[in-house]
Protein backbone atom coordinates (compact mmCIF):
# COMPACT_ATOMS: atom_id res chain seq x y z
CA MET A 1 3.25 -2.67 -20.23
CA THR A 2 1.93 -2.47 -23.75
CA ILE A 3 -1.69 -2.34 -24.78
CA GLU A 4 -2.70 -2.34 -28.44
CA GLY A 5 -5.00 0.30 -29.94
CA GLY A 6 -5.42 4.03 -29.40
CA SER A 7 -3.04 6.33 -27.58
CA ARG A 8 -0.96 4.78 -24.86
CA GLU A 9 -2.20 6.98 -22.00
CA GLU A 10 -5.86 6.60 -22.92
CA MET A 11 -5.65 2.83 -23.23
CA MET A 12 -3.73 2.54 -19.96
CA LYS A 13 -6.36 4.60 -18.12
CA ARG A 14 -9.18 2.52 -19.55
CA TYR A 15 -7.41 -0.76 -18.76
CA LEU A 16 -6.52 0.18 -15.18
CA SER A 17 -9.90 1.75 -14.40
CA ARG A 18 -11.39 -1.75 -14.50
CA TYR A 19 -9.37 -2.78 -11.47
CA ILE A 20 -8.82 0.37 -9.42
CA LYS A 21 -12.32 0.62 -7.92
CA SER A 22 -12.50 -3.00 -6.84
CA ALA A 23 -8.93 -3.01 -5.50
CA SER A 24 -9.43 0.14 -3.45
CA THR A 25 -12.76 -1.10 -2.11
CA PHE A 26 -11.27 -4.44 -1.10
CA GLY A 27 -8.27 -2.73 0.51
CA GLY A 28 -10.51 -0.41 2.51
CA PHE A 29 -12.64 -3.33 3.60
CA CYS A 30 -9.57 -5.25 4.79
CA LEU A 31 -8.22 -2.27 6.74
CA GLY A 32 -11.59 -1.67 8.35
CA ALA A 33 -11.92 -5.34 9.27
CA LEU A 34 -8.42 -5.33 10.78
CA CYS A 35 -9.22 -2.30 12.92
CA ILE A 36 -12.54 -3.74 14.11
CA ILE A 37 -11.07 -7.16 14.91
CA ALA A 38 -8.12 -5.65 16.80
CA ASP A 39 -10.45 -3.43 18.83
CA THR A 40 -12.89 -6.21 19.70
CA MET A 41 -10.19 -8.74 20.61
CA GLY A 42 -8.56 -6.26 22.97
CA ALA A 43 -5.21 -6.00 21.25
CA ILE A 44 -2.38 -4.20 23.03
CA ALA A 45 -3.14 -1.09 21.00
CA THR A 46 -6.15 0.02 19.01
CA GLY A 47 -6.66 -1.32 15.51
CA THR A 48 -6.06 2.11 14.04
CA GLY A 49 -2.81 2.44 15.99
CA ILE A 50 -1.58 -0.90 14.67
CA VAL A 51 -2.33 0.11 11.06
CA LEU A 52 -0.57 3.44 11.58
CA ALA A 53 2.51 1.77 13.08
CA VAL A 54 2.76 -0.76 10.25
CA THR A 55 2.40 2.01 7.66
CA ILE A 56 5.19 4.07 9.25
CA ILE A 57 7.52 1.07 9.46
CA PHE A 58 6.83 0.16 5.83
CA GLN A 59 7.60 3.73 4.68
CA ILE A 60 10.91 3.66 6.54
CA PHE A 61 11.77 0.33 4.91
CA GLU A 62 10.93 1.73 1.44
CA GLN A 63 13.13 4.77 2.09
CA ILE A 64 16.07 2.58 3.10
CA ALA A 65 15.58 0.39 0.01
CA LYS A 66 15.60 3.46 -2.26
CA GLU A 67 18.79 4.73 -0.65
CA LYS A 68 20.48 1.37 -1.15
CA GLU A 69 19.34 1.33 -4.78
CA ARG A 70 20.99 4.70 -5.38
CA GLY A 71 24.19 3.39 -3.81
CA GLN A 72 24.06 5.62 -0.76
CA ASP A 73 25.33 4.34 2.53
CA THR A 74 22.54 3.49 4.99
CA LEU A 75 22.60 2.99 8.71
CA PHE A 76 20.50 -0.18 8.58
CA PHE A 77 20.73 -3.42 6.56
């Protein structure tokens, strides 16, 4: 990514700082809404448990993808 003017790090920080606050706020709102909806609808598990399970599964998938990218043999996929 290239941004004209000033030093690269300074311009990148200024450019990304416009979006980081709103993106993190929106993400937190979505996670909170998911937890509340899952709890009120009586899901099999609590909303927090569902978010935790999805996060763990996603991290495992990322780890497997990184291993495949490096050319290492993986047990899955």
